[in-house]
Amino acid sequence: MELFDLTLYQLHEMLHNRAISSRELTKTMLERIEATDPEINAFISRTTDLAFEAADRADYKLATGNCTPLTGIPIALKDNIMTSGIRTTCASKMLENFIAPYDASLWVRLKEQGAVLLGKLNMDEFAMGSTNETSFFRPVHNPWNLLHSSGGSSGGAAAAVASRQTVAAIGTDTGGSVRQPAAHCGCVGLKPSYGRISRHGIIPYASSFDQAGTITRDVRDASLMLKAIAGYDVKDSTCADRAVPDYSSALTGAIRGLKIGLPEEYFSKELSADVKKAMDTAVQVFKDLGAELHPVSLPHTDYAAACYYLLANAEASSNMTRFDGVHFGYRTENSTNLEELMIMSRTEGFGSEVKFRILLGTHTLTAENYQKRYVKAQKVRWLIQQDFDNVFSKVDILLTPTTPTPAPLLGEGAEDPLQTASSDIFTNPANLAGICAISIPAGFSSNGLPIGLQLMGRPFDEEGILKAAYAFEQTTKWHMEKAAL
């Protein structure tokens, strides 16, 4: 096998045993990017020189035995994660030439553990989108079929992992933006509980929803990446001060007696025939592993999408006010006064999807709408959280599809925006409730596109969903399939 085909864990073993060097591995990954990214368009920026410098430092640490599972491992970051001295664009004209002045806390942790940064990954502009078509830097193409979307907003991260351009990637998940593209690209996408990972240095879309997450080749790699970046950070007031378990120790493969809930609201939705077949197969796999399957109900699920879009866009409207053409970012050259400067800078600097969400969010927060829309949506959010609390008193985890269909064709969303929004209907409830969730490969459609299975767990029970995901993964081989580029 080529080095770029190996998992993080396998490469760590080889690096630790000095079978390969980090410089050799980094060179291989950069050559892979050079060969495949013209078709995929997963990267916005590549950090070639910095990557080799980091690889040399990692090789020194490896030679002295001062290493972690991430030492010398090439990774990539979604381009809304701040990296000091490196361009951070959010895939927007607004930040096309913005150089981050400091590092995000999660990147500080990865650097301290010896990770090698290959570059910054394409995304939907300011993480607003579900198909990675709102990027100022052109869409990302799905490695399994270049005519199809890679998903979004972390589409670049999922496509880079699926095309073996990077060993692992960090994305962000506001309403499913790690899990949905992972499902569309045949990867493992983990959204930890809200507060498990610091948001300091992540350019916000919707602050009470945003959570960094991992996209990897398999579940073991997800556990290693989560361990590396999880934990309390004094710089983030929403970060939970909780002990970080050794997630890898939960990967035993034994789940006999595990109580798995099947939410009727998720399976009563219109699923494609391929997704329904994959879910039926997955349920049988868990039964064969000795898990107990129970029908459950989350009665407010039908309100989740409307609740999510009202609240997330309201927060986006507030967060986007910092981009005013004065402090940083794009500034128009056509204004004659300060008011024109702000209006024209935002008009020219933002794409249509971002403008739409700002307008919708601002409308939600107006005096006449605040009580009847924003406050009501917050009440519904609480009811959705209560639904999960009630269900998790009866079962250990929940099993659902990640998306109702496989990856759509690029351009389909322009014809039917509601269909694009519906791709997140199974993922955004976890963000509303702040719980953890993971998407794992669970099969393929009749036309060869990956299908994802979602497992959701109690807040801060990432061990539980990782354990179940690993057991499923060890019984099936979907995660071992590779896109033929």
Protein backbone atom coordinates (compact mmCIF):
# COMPACT_ATOMS: atom_id res chain seq x y z
CA MET A 1 0.00 0.00 0.00
CA GLU A 2 1.02 3.59 -0.59
CA LEU A 3 1.79 5.67 2.49
CA PHE A 4 -1.18 7.93 1.74
CA ASP A 5 -3.51 4.91 1.97
CA LEU A 6 -2.60 4.20 5.61
CA THR A 7 -4.47 5.35 8.69
CA LEU A 8 -3.16 7.73 11.32
CA TYR A 9 -2.64 4.86 13.75
CA GLN A 10 -0.71 2.77 11.21
CA LEU A 11 1.49 5.73 10.28
CA HIS A 12 2.13 6.52 13.94
CA GLU A 13 3.43 2.98 14.43
CA MET A 14 5.73 3.32 11.42
CA LEU A 15 7.01 6.72 12.54
CA HIS A 16 7.51 5.54 16.10
CA ASN A 17 9.48 2.50 14.89
CA ARG A 18 11.49 4.73 12.53
CA ALA A 19 10.33 2.73 9.49
CA ILE A 20 9.63 6.05 7.79
CA SER A 21 10.38 9.69 8.52
CA SER A 22 7.89 12.50 8.86
CA ARG A 23 9.66 14.35 6.04
CA GLU A 24 9.18 11.33 3.76
CA LEU A 25 5.52 11.05 4.73
CA THR A 26 4.93 14.78 4.32
CA LYS A 27 6.54 14.75 0.87
CA THR A 28 4.27 11.86 -0.15
CA MET A 29 1.14 13.69 1.01
CA LEU A 30 2.11 16.95 -0.71
CA GLU A 31 2.74 15.05 -3.95
CA ARG A 32 -0.67 13.42 -3.57
CA ILE A 33 -2.28 16.85 -3.20
CA GLU A 34 -0.43 18.11 -6.26
CA ALA A 35 -1.62 15.13 -8.31
CA THR A 36 -5.28 15.06 -7.25
CA ASP A 37 -6.39 18.50 -6.10
CA PRO A 38 -6.84 20.03 -9.56
CA GLU A 39 -9.85 17.70 -9.83
CA ILE A 40 -11.03 17.88 -6.20
CA ASN A 41 -10.30 21.53 -5.19
CA ALA A 42 -10.15 20.61 -1.50
CA PHE A 43 -7.36 23.06 -0.57
CA ILE A 44 -7.49 26.85 -0.55
CA SER A 45 -3.93 27.29 0.71
CA ARG A 46 -0.97 24.90 0.95
CA THR A 47 1.75 25.38 3.54
CA THR A 48 4.54 23.41 1.86
CA ASP A 49 7.59 25.11 3.40
CA LEU A 50 6.07 25.22 6.87
CA ALA A 51 5.07 21.58 6.55
CA PHE A 52 8.63 20.45 5.85
CA GLU A 53 9.93 22.56 8.75
CA ALA A 54 7.36 20.95 11.08
CA ALA A 55 8.21 17.50 9.71
CA ASP A 56 11.92 18.02 10.48
CA ARG A 57 11.07 19.08 14.04
CA ALA A 58 8.86 16.01 14.37
CA ASP A 59 11.65 13.74 13.15
CA TYR A 60 13.91 15.13 15.86
CA LYS A 61 11.25 14.42 18.50
CA LEU A 62 10.72 10.92 17.12
CA ALA A 63 14.45 10.24 17.23
CA THR A 64 14.60 11.25 20.90
CA GLY A 65 11.48 9.28 21.84
CA ASN A 66 9.61 12.47 22.76
CA CYS A 67 6.50 11.84 20.68
CA THR A 68 2.72 11.54 20.76
CA PRO A 69 0.35 9.71 18.36
CA LEU A 70 0.17 12.95 16.34
CA THR A 71 3.94 13.60 16.09
CA GLY A 72 4.92 13.80 12.43
CA ILE A 73 1.37 13.18 11.15
CA PRO A 74 0.29 15.43 8.22
CA ILE A 75 -3.14 16.96 8.75
CA ALA A 76 -5.17 19.85 7.34
CA LEU A 77 -7.56 22.42 8.81
CA LYS A 78 -10.81 23.92 7.60
CA ASP A 79 -10.15 27.50 6.57
CA ASN A 80 -12.18 29.10 9.35
CA ILE A 81 -9.64 27.93 11.95
CA MET A 82 -7.09 30.64 12.74
CA THR A 83 -3.44 29.86 12.01
CA SER A 84 -0.93 32.56 12.92
CA GLY A 85 0.92 33.98 9.92
CA ILE A 86 -1.08 31.84 7.49
CA ARG A 87 -3.96 32.98 5.30
CA THR A 88 -7.37 32.24 6.84
CA THR A 89 -10.14 33.06 4.37
CA CYS A 90 -13.40 31.38 5.45
CA ALA A 91 -13.67 30.76 1.68
CA SER A 92 -14.85 34.36 1.27
CA LYS A 93 -13.79 37.34 -0.78
CA MET A 94 -14.23 39.26 2.48
CA LEU A 95 -11.15 37.52 3.94
CA GLU A 96 -9.38 36.55 0.71
CA ASN A 97 -6.05 38.03 1.86
CA PHE A 98 -6.51 37.92 5.64
CA ILE A 99 -3.48 36.68 7.59
CA ALA A 100 -4.47 35.35 11.01
CA PRO A 101 -2.70 37.15 13.89
CA TYR A 102 -2.92 34.21 16.31
CA ASP A 103 -3.54 30.47 16.48
CA ALA A 104 -6.79 28.77 17.38
CA SER A 105 -6.44 26.87 20.65
CA LEU A 106 -7.02 23.51 18.97
CA TRP A 107 -4.22 24.21 16.49
CA VAL A 108 -1.92 25.18 19.36
CA ARG A 109 -2.56 21.75 20.89
CA LEU A 110 -1.95 19.95 17.62
CA LYS A 111 1.30 21.85 17.03
CA GLU A 112 2.50 21.08 20.55
CA GLN A 113 1.93 17.39 19.81
CA GLY A 114 3.97 17.56 16.62
CA ALA A 115 1.27 17.54 13.92
CA VAL A 116 2.32 18.76 10.47
CA LEU A 117 0.00 21.25 8.73
CA LEU A 118 -0.38 20.61 4.99
CA GLY A 119 -2.71 23.54 4.38
CA LYS A 120 -6.15 25.10 4.78
CA LEU A 121 -9.25 23.47 3.38
CA ASN A 122 -12.08 24.70 1.18
CA MET A 123 -15.52 25.19 2.71
CA ASP A 124 -18.85 26.89 2.21
CA GLU A 125 -18.37 30.63 2.70
CA PHE A 126 -18.28 31.37 6.45
CA ALA A 127 -19.53 27.77 6.91
CA MET A 128 -22.94 28.71 5.48
CA GLY A 129 -24.07 25.96 3.15
CA SER A 130 -24.48 22.20 2.76
CA THR A 131 -22.82 21.46 -0.58
CA ASN A 132 -19.54 23.44 -0.57
CA GLU A 133 -20.80 25.43 -3.54
CA THR A 134 -20.92 28.81 -1.80
CA SER A 135 -17.11 29.01 -1.61
CA PHE A 136 -15.48 32.04 -3.25
CA PHE A 137 -12.76 29.60 -4.34
CA ARG A 138 -15.09 27.37 -6.41
CA PRO A 139 -16.86 24.18 -5.31
CA VAL A 140 -15.24 21.03 -3.96
CA HIS A 141 -15.85 17.87 -5.99
CA ASN A 142 -16.71 14.52 -4.45
CA PRO A 143 -13.81 12.06 -4.92
CA TRP A 144 -16.26 9.21 -5.53
CA ASN A 145 -17.90 11.04 -8.44
CA LEU A 146 -16.63 14.44 -9.51
CA LEU A 147 -20.09 15.49 -10.70
CA HIS A 148 -21.44 15.28 -7.17
CA SER A 149 -21.13 17.50 -4.12
CA SER A 150 -18.73 16.63 -1.32
CA GLY A 151 -21.23 18.03 1.19
CA GLY A 152 -20.73 21.03 3.41
CA SER A 153 -19.72 23.15 4.97
CA SER A 154 -16.60 21.06 5.72
CA GLY A 155 -16.65 19.63 2.21
CA GLY A 156 -12.97 20.33 1.61
CA ALA A 157 -12.03 18.45 4.78
CA ALA A 158 -14.08 15.37 3.87
CA ALA A 159 -12.91 15.36 0.24
CA ALA A 160 -9.26 15.72 1.28
CA VAL A 161 -9.51 12.72 3.63
CA ALA A 162 -11.48 10.63 1.11
CA SER A 163 -9.00 11.35 -1.69
CA ARG A 164 -6.11 10.53 0.67
CA GLN A 165 -4.60 14.01 0.41
CA THR A 166 -4.34 14.21 4.20
CA VAL A 167 -4.25 11.66 6.97
CA ALA A 168 -6.93 13.50 8.95
CA ALA A 169 -8.66 16.87 9.01
CA ILE A 170 -10.38 19.22 11.44
CA GLY A 171 -13.66 20.79 10.41
CA THR A 172 -16.47 22.59 12.20
CA ASP A 173 -20.04 21.41 12.71
CA THR A 174 -22.83 23.96 13.21
CA GLY A 175 -25.78 21.92 11.98
CA GLY A 176 -24.10 18.83 10.59
CA SER A 177 -21.17 20.31 8.71
CA VAL A 178 -18.71 17.58 9.76
CA ARG A 179 -21.06 14.59 9.71
CA GLN A 180 -22.91 15.34 6.48
CA PRO A 181 -19.82 15.73 4.24
CA ALA A 182 -18.20 12.76 5.98
CA ALA A 183 -21.25 10.69 5.03
CA HIS A 184 -21.16 11.93 1.43
CA CYS A 185 -17.45 11.14 1.10
CA GLY A 186 -17.28 7.82 2.95
CA CYS A 187 -15.33 9.08 5.98
CA VAL A 188 -15.79 9.07 9.74
CA GLY A 189 -17.06 12.45 10.96
CA LEU A 190 -17.19 13.13 14.71
CA LYS A 191 -19.02 16.08 16.27
CA PRO A 192 -18.15 16.16 19.98
CA SER A 193 -20.46 17.61 22.61
CA TYR A 194 -20.71 21.38 22.75
CA GLY A 195 -17.90 22.57 25.01
CA ARG A 196 -15.67 19.50 24.61
CA ILE A 197 -13.27 21.39 22.28
CA SER A 198 -12.31 25.05 22.59
CA ARG A 199 -13.85 27.40 20.02
CA HIS A 200 -11.17 30.05 20.65
CA GLY A 201 -9.75 31.06 17.29
CA ILE A 202 -12.55 29.52 15.22
CA ILE A 203 -14.22 32.27 13.18
CA PRO A 204 -17.86 31.95 14.28
CA TYR A 205 -20.98 31.33 12.27
CA ALA A 206 -23.45 30.61 15.10
CA SER A 207 -21.69 30.65 18.44
CA SER A 208 -24.09 28.50 20.46
CA PHE A 209 -24.01 25.78 17.78
CA ASP A 210 -20.45 25.78 16.40
CA GLN A 211 -18.21 22.91 17.44
CA ALA A 212 -14.94 21.70 15.97
CA GLY A 213 -14.92 18.09 14.87
CA THR A 214 -12.70 15.49 13.25
CA ILE A 215 -12.83 13.82 9.84
CA THR A 216 -10.76 10.64 9.59
CA ARG A 217 -10.40 7.33 7.75
CA ASP A 218 -11.67 5.20 10.63
CA VAL A 219 -12.95 5.30 14.20
CA ARG A 220 -9.61 4.65 15.90
CA ASP A 221 -8.15 7.67 14.14
CA ALA A 222 -11.16 9.73 15.30
CA SER A 223 -10.48 8.74 18.90
CA LEU A 224 -6.81 9.78 18.60
CA MET A 225 -7.67 13.13 17.02
CA LEU A 226 -10.34 13.89 19.62
CA LYS A 227 -7.97 13.10 22.47
CA ALA A 228 -5.42 15.48 20.96
CA ILE A 229 -7.70 18.53 20.79
CA ALA A 230 -10.27 18.05 23.57
CA GLY A 231 -10.10 19.71 26.96
CA TYR A 232 -10.68 22.88 28.93
CA ASP A 233 -9.43 26.21 27.62
CA VAL A 234 -9.51 29.34 29.77
CA LYS A 235 -9.77 31.42 26.58
CA ASP A 236 -13.21 30.01 25.77
CA SER A 237 -15.94 30.66 28.36
CA THR A 238 -18.15 27.97 26.75
CA CYS A 239 -15.49 25.26 27.02
CA ALA A 240 -16.32 22.62 29.64
CA ASP A 241 -13.89 22.01 32.49
CA ARG A 242 -14.13 18.22 32.34
CA ALA A 243 -11.56 15.44 32.32
CA VAL A 244 -10.70 14.07 28.87
CA PRO A 245 -10.89 10.26 28.76
CA ASP A 246 -8.57 7.97 26.84
CA TYR A 247 -11.04 7.42 24.02
CA SER A 248 -9.01 4.63 22.42
CA SER A 249 -9.52 2.44 25.50
CA ALA A 250 -13.25 2.35 24.73
CA LEU A 251 -12.62 0.63 21.38
CA THR A 252 -13.11 -2.94 22.56
CA GLY A 253 -15.56 -4.13 19.92
CA ALA A 254 -17.85 -5.53 22.64
CA ILE A 255 -21.31 -3.96 22.80
CA ARG A 256 -23.51 -6.83 23.96
CA GLY A 257 -26.41 -5.43 25.98
CA LEU A 258 -25.96 -1.90 24.64
CA LYS A 259 -29.36 -0.22 24.36
CA ILE A 260 -29.75 1.50 21.00
CA GLY A 261 -32.76 3.70 20.27
CA LEU A 262 -34.31 4.00 16.80
CA PRO A 263 -36.15 7.35 16.69
CA GLU A 264 -39.36 6.83 14.73
CA GLU A 265 -39.32 10.44 13.50
CA TYR A 266 -36.02 9.86 11.66
CA PHE A 267 -37.14 6.66 9.95
CA SER A 268 -40.57 7.97 9.00
CA LYS A 269 -38.99 10.70 6.88
CA GLU A 270 -38.66 10.16 3.16
CA LEU A 271 -35.41 8.24 2.73
CA SER A 272 -33.90 7.20 -0.57
CA ALA A 273 -34.21 3.47 -1.22
CA ASP A 274 -30.43 3.09 -0.92
CA VAL A 275 -30.29 4.83 2.46
CA LYS A 276 -33.22 2.81 3.81
CA LYS A 277 -31.55 -0.44 2.72
CA ALA A 278 -28.28 0.61 4.37
CA MET A 279 -30.08 1.45 7.63
CA ASP A 280 -31.90 -1.89 7.66
CA THR A 281 -28.56 -3.65 7.21
CA ALA A 282 -26.94 -1.57 9.98
CA VAL A 283 -29.73 -2.40 12.42
CA GLN A 284 -29.21 -6.09 11.73
CA VAL A 285 -25.45 -5.76 12.25
CA PHE A 286 -26.00 -4.24 15.69
CA LYS A 287 -28.49 -6.97 16.57
CA ASP A 288 -25.95 -9.60 15.58
CA LEU A 289 -23.40 -7.88 17.84
CA GLY A 290 -25.73 -8.35 20.79
CA ALA A 291 -27.10 -4.82 21.09
CA GLU A 292 -30.71 -4.25 22.14
CA LEU A 293 -32.71 -2.21 19.62
CA HIS A 294 -35.62 -0.14 20.93
CA PRO A 295 -38.09 2.10 19.08
CA VAL A 296 -38.14 5.57 20.67
CA SER A 297 -39.70 8.94 19.96
CA LEU A 298 -38.28 12.47 19.78
CA PRO A 299 -41.62 14.27 19.33
CA HIS A 300 -40.29 17.76 18.54
CA THR A 301 -38.01 16.61 15.71
CA ASP A 302 -40.28 18.11 13.04
CA TYR A 303 -39.60 21.58 14.45
CA ALA A 304 -35.81 21.18 14.57
CA ALA A 305 -34.98 22.47 11.08
CA ALA A 306 -37.06 25.65 11.42
CA CYS A 307 -35.74 26.21 14.94
CA TYR A 308 -32.15 25.72 13.80
CA TYR A 309 -32.34 28.09 10.84
CA LEU A 310 -34.02 30.84 12.85
CA LEU A 311 -31.52 30.73 15.70
CA ALA A 312 -28.37 30.02 13.69
CA ASN A 313 -29.04 32.83 11.24
CA ALA A 314 -29.87 35.24 14.05
CA GLU A 315 -26.48 34.49 15.58
CA ALA A 316 -24.84 34.75 12.15
CA SER A 317 -26.34 38.20 11.66
CA SER A 318 -24.72 39.31 14.91
CA ASN A 319 -21.37 37.63 14.23
CA MET A 320 -21.07 39.06 10.72
CA THR A 321 -21.25 42.67 11.93
CA ARG A 322 -17.49 42.61 12.59
CA PHE A 323 -16.86 42.52 8.83
CA ASP A 324 -17.50 46.19 8.13
CA GLY A 325 -14.74 47.17 5.71
CA VAL A 326 -13.01 49.21 8.42
CA HIS A 327 -11.29 46.92 10.92
CA PHE A 328 -10.01 44.11 8.66
CA GLY A 329 -10.93 42.17 5.56
CA TYR A 330 -12.14 43.40 2.19
CA ARG A 331 -12.56 47.15 1.71
CA THR A 332 -14.27 48.67 -1.32
CA GLU A 333 -12.48 51.25 -3.43
CA ASN A 334 -15.71 52.87 -4.62
CA SER A 335 -17.04 54.67 -1.54
CA THR A 336 -17.18 58.40 -0.84
CA ASN A 337 -18.10 58.30 2.87
CA LEU A 338 -18.06 55.96 5.86
CA GLU A 339 -21.61 54.69 5.40
CA GLU A 340 -20.97 53.86 1.76
CA LEU A 341 -17.69 52.21 2.73
CA MET A 342 -19.45 49.79 5.08
CA ILE A 343 -22.40 49.08 2.80
CA MET A 344 -20.36 48.55 -0.36
CA SER A 345 -17.62 46.55 1.37
CA ARG A 346 -20.20 44.10 2.70
CA THR A 347 -22.13 44.05 -0.58
CA GLU A 348 -19.01 43.29 -2.61
CA GLY A 349 -17.26 41.11 -0.03
CA PHE A 350 -20.03 38.65 0.91
CA GLY A 351 -21.52 36.00 -1.36
CA SER A 352 -25.24 35.59 -1.93
CA GLU A 353 -25.76 32.81 0.67
CA VAL A 354 -24.09 34.83 3.43
CA LYS A 355 -26.14 37.91 2.54
CA PHE A 356 -29.32 35.84 2.58
CA ARG A 357 -28.59 34.45 6.03
CA ILE A 358 -27.64 37.86 7.42
CA LEU A 359 -30.91 39.30 6.15
CA LEU A 360 -32.94 36.41 7.52
CA GLY A 361 -31.20 36.62 10.89
CA THR A 362 -31.59 40.40 11.10
CA HIS A 363 -35.28 40.06 10.24
CA THR A 364 -35.66 37.50 13.05
CA LEU A 365 -34.10 39.91 15.55
CA THR A 366 -36.20 42.96 14.70
CA ALA A 367 -38.42 44.35 17.43
CA GLU A 368 -41.61 43.02 15.86
CA ASN A 369 -40.20 39.50 15.34
CA TYR A 370 -37.96 38.97 18.36
CA GLN A 371 -40.65 37.61 20.70
CA LYS A 372 -42.76 35.69 18.20
CA ARG A 373 -39.84 34.09 16.33
CA TYR A 374 -36.50 34.23 18.16
CA VAL A 375 -37.82 33.68 21.69
CA LYS A 376 -40.27 31.03 20.51
CA ALA A 377 -37.45 29.21 18.70
CA GLN A 378 -35.38 29.23 21.90
CA LYS A 379 -38.29 27.61 23.73
CA VAL A 380 -38.54 24.95 21.03
CA ARG A 381 -34.80 24.36 21.35
CA TRP A 382 -35.31 23.62 25.04
CA LEU A 383 -38.09 21.15 24.18
CA ILE A 384 -35.78 19.38 21.73
CA GLN A 385 -33.10 19.16 24.43
CA GLN A 386 -35.72 17.68 26.79
CA ASP A 387 -36.64 15.08 24.16
CA PHE A 388 -33.05 13.85 24.11
CA ASP A 389 -32.80 13.89 27.91
CA ASN A 390 -35.93 11.77 28.16
CA VAL A 391 -34.78 9.26 25.55
CA PHE A 392 -31.30 8.91 27.04
CA SER A 393 -32.88 7.86 30.34
CA LYS A 394 -34.05 4.74 28.49
CA VAL A 395 -31.33 3.97 25.93
CA ASP A 396 -27.57 4.45 25.67
CA ILE A 397 -27.24 5.80 22.13
CA LEU A 398 -29.42 6.58 19.12
CA LEU A 399 -29.07 5.22 15.58
CA THR A 400 -30.27 7.23 12.57
CA PRO A 401 -29.33 7.92 8.96
CA THR A 402 -26.84 10.78 8.63
CA THR A 403 -28.58 12.15 5.54
CA PRO A 404 -31.82 11.21 3.74
CA THR A 405 -30.01 10.73 0.41
CA PRO A 406 -26.48 10.21 -0.90
CA ALA A 407 -24.51 13.20 -2.22
CA PRO A 408 -26.49 15.35 -4.68
CA LEU A 409 -25.24 16.50 -8.04
CA LEU A 410 -23.41 19.81 -8.03
CA GLY A 411 -25.88 22.51 -9.03
CA GLU A 412 -28.98 20.71 -7.74
CA GLY A 413 -29.29 23.10 -4.81
CA ALA A 414 -29.67 26.11 -7.10
CA GLU A 415 -32.82 24.54 -8.49
CA ASP A 416 -34.26 23.46 -5.13
CA PRO A 417 -32.79 25.25 -2.07
CA LEU A 418 -35.25 23.51 0.27
CA GLN A 419 -33.91 20.13 -0.80
CA THR A 420 -30.40 21.30 0.04
CA ALA A 421 -31.54 22.48 3.48
CA SER A 422 -33.24 19.13 4.09
CA SER A 423 -29.88 17.34 3.88
CA ASP A 424 -29.25 18.48 7.49
CA ILE A 425 -32.58 17.39 8.99
CA PHE A 426 -31.01 14.40 10.79
CA THR A 427 -27.91 16.24 11.97
CA ASN A 428 -28.97 19.66 13.27
CA PRO A 429 -30.96 18.31 16.27
CA ALA A 430 -27.66 17.21 17.86
CA ASN A 431 -26.37 20.79 17.59
CA LEU A 432 -29.57 22.19 19.04
CA ALA A 433 -29.18 19.87 22.03
CA GLY A 434 -25.40 20.13 22.32
CA ILE A 435 -24.93 16.34 22.34
CA CYS A 436 -22.22 14.29 20.63
CA ALA A 437 -22.72 12.46 17.33
CA ILE A 438 -20.69 10.54 14.79
CA SER A 439 -21.21 9.53 11.15
CA ILE A 440 -19.59 6.33 9.92
CA PRO A 441 -19.61 4.62 6.50
CA ALA A 442 -22.54 2.21 6.17
CA GLY A 443 -22.71 1.26 2.51
CA PHE A 444 -23.01 2.61 -1.00
CA SER A 445 -25.84 3.68 -3.27
CA SER A 446 -26.65 1.89 -6.50
CA ASN A 447 -24.55 4.48 -8.35
CA GLY A 448 -21.52 4.06 -6.11
CA LEU A 449 -21.89 6.98 -3.68
CA PRO A 450 -21.18 6.52 0.05
CA ILE A 451 -23.96 6.36 2.66
CA GLY A 452 -23.49 7.40 6.29
CA LEU A 453 -24.90 6.02 9.54
CA GLN A 454 -25.25 8.42 12.49
CA LEU A 455 -24.90 7.50 16.17
CA MET A 456 -25.85 10.09 18.80
CA GLY A 457 -24.95 9.98 22.48
CA ARG A 458 -25.47 11.77 25.77
CA PRO A 459 -23.56 15.01 26.36
CA PHE A 460 -19.86 14.21 26.89
CA ASP A 461 -20.34 10.50 26.20
CA GLU A 462 -18.09 10.42 23.16
CA GLU A 463 -16.72 7.14 24.51
CA GLY A 464 -20.14 5.55 24.08
CA ILE A 465 -20.63 6.45 20.44
CA LEU A 466 -17.01 5.70 19.57
CA LYS A 467 -17.33 2.25 21.16
CA ALA A 468 -20.47 1.44 19.18
CA ALA A 469 -19.07 2.91 15.96
CA TYR A 470 -15.89 0.86 16.31
CA ALA A 471 -17.84 -2.37 16.87
CA PHE A 472 -19.86 -1.72 13.71
CA GLU A 473 -16.72 -0.81 11.78
CA GLN A 474 -14.94 -4.02 12.81
CA THR A 475 -17.86 -6.09 11.55
CA THR A 476 -18.19 -4.28 8.22
CA LYS A 477 -15.68 -3.17 5.60
CA TRP A 478 -17.25 -0.01 4.24
CA HIS A 479 -14.56 2.22 5.75
CA MET A 480 -11.87 0.31 3.85
CA GLU A 481 -13.24 1.20 0.42
CA LYS A 482 -11.28 3.87 -1.45
CA ALA A 483 -12.37 6.38 -4.07
CA ALA A 484 -10.66 5.54 -7.37
CA LEU A 485 -8.93 8.73 -8.44
